[in-house]
Amino acid sequence: MSASAIPQAQAQLAKRLERALESQDEAGVHELLPALRRRPHWLGMRVGRAGDSPLHLAIRCCPQPVVELLCEGFHRLPEERDECPDCRQMLLVTNNAGKTCLHVAAEVCRAAIIGYLLKQGACVDACAEGGWTALMLACRRTGLKACQCVRVLLDGGAEPLLASAAGWTALHEACRVGCSECVRALLERRPGGAAAAARALDGRSPLHLAALHGHEDAVALLTAEGAAAAGVDEADACGLTPLHEAVRGGHVRVVRALKRLGARLHRADKNGLSCLHFAALAGRPQVVEFLLVECRMFVDAPSKVERLTALQCAVRAGNVDCVRTLLAFGADPRRCDARGRTAEDFFSGLNNEEIEALLTEGQTTMWQPENVEAAPVHFLDSGGEISS
């Protein structure tokens, strides 16, 4: 065969193999084996838009016998093993995203195939682009199949403390999606708080992500070995603590749990904003009410840098429900920030008649509770100041 004819023959074979794999035609794959056996290096050819090899595509589309056929069908005779060294390299072939066949198996949650590939010698901690391992990809999924994949990979020697280029570990991913069984498996593999203490490049811990997305079970598992180990009150690069993240996400139950574990309500981020300010900015009226009633925070506590009140933050963000809640609990619309601006000044350009009416009413009718015991607290031991 001429040199010019080889690429054409390879393209034709690739197309036929792609059709056979996508249609799960095991007989069709068998039919193509003789041609592949003559040129085993063609196993590294690309057959999909993602740059997948035949084995990648089989893992995505086909039952396990077809995967095994591609792995073993080329060197069944002992004397052929040394003559086909390229066949043993199939497990190392990567697609356009740098993913090996093990990455793909983890991505599509095929635990039995993961176990098979590991027995065939797949590298359990191989990294794709961005530093992603198969374990990290498995932890991006939820459900029973994902948990099975995680346990198979861990049993195969996967290292849960490896981090991606952004510093995320498998535990970061599991906490982001809220798969409590995956979180449990990862913590069991690295007891003592090492996994929970991992920090991404931006300083975020697994607890930050679990809190932001409201995954109560994951928060409970992370803090089971102690609040200090999980970093309950530790800040990321922006000064945000897990409590700030839970507030931003609007998760009252997680906020309550973190408070019980010792998270400081008046801890400020790098802009001087406390959790009450974040609740107002994010439009979380239920969290605002929780912080004022159960946590007894000062409704007009100024931020540390610009001396902003929660009401000013809510007005600036255009969060009508938070404005209404704050005014109902006694927020003073006449309070000024460090530049002498009141809440009304932050309203400029919003074109929101409802907020305008609420502020006008709030300036003329200051809140007076009928029941003194139900009144919000307007002072703190710290004088209403935000701590850093």
Foldseek 3Di string as FASTA:
>chain_A
DDPVVVVVVLVVLLQQLLVCLQVQPLVSVVVCQVVCLVPVLSQLAANDPQQDGSLLSNLVHYDPVSNVCQLAVNPVDPVCCVVRVSSLCQQCRATPQQDGSLLSNLLVLPLVVNLVVLVSPRDQLDATPQRDGSLLNLLLDADDSSLSNNVSSVVSPYDQCGAGNQQDGSLLNNLLVQHLSSNVVNCVSPPDLPQLQGATPQRDGSLLNNLLQVNVSSNCVNCVVHCVSNQLADAGNQQDGSLLSNLLNLHQVSNVVSVVRPHDQLRATPQQDGSLLSNLLSLRLVNNVCCQQVVLAAQLQAGDHFGHGSLLNNLLNVNLSNNQSSQQQFHQQCDQTNVGDGSVVSNPPVPDVSSVVSNVVSNVDTHDDPDPVRHRHNADPVGSYGDD
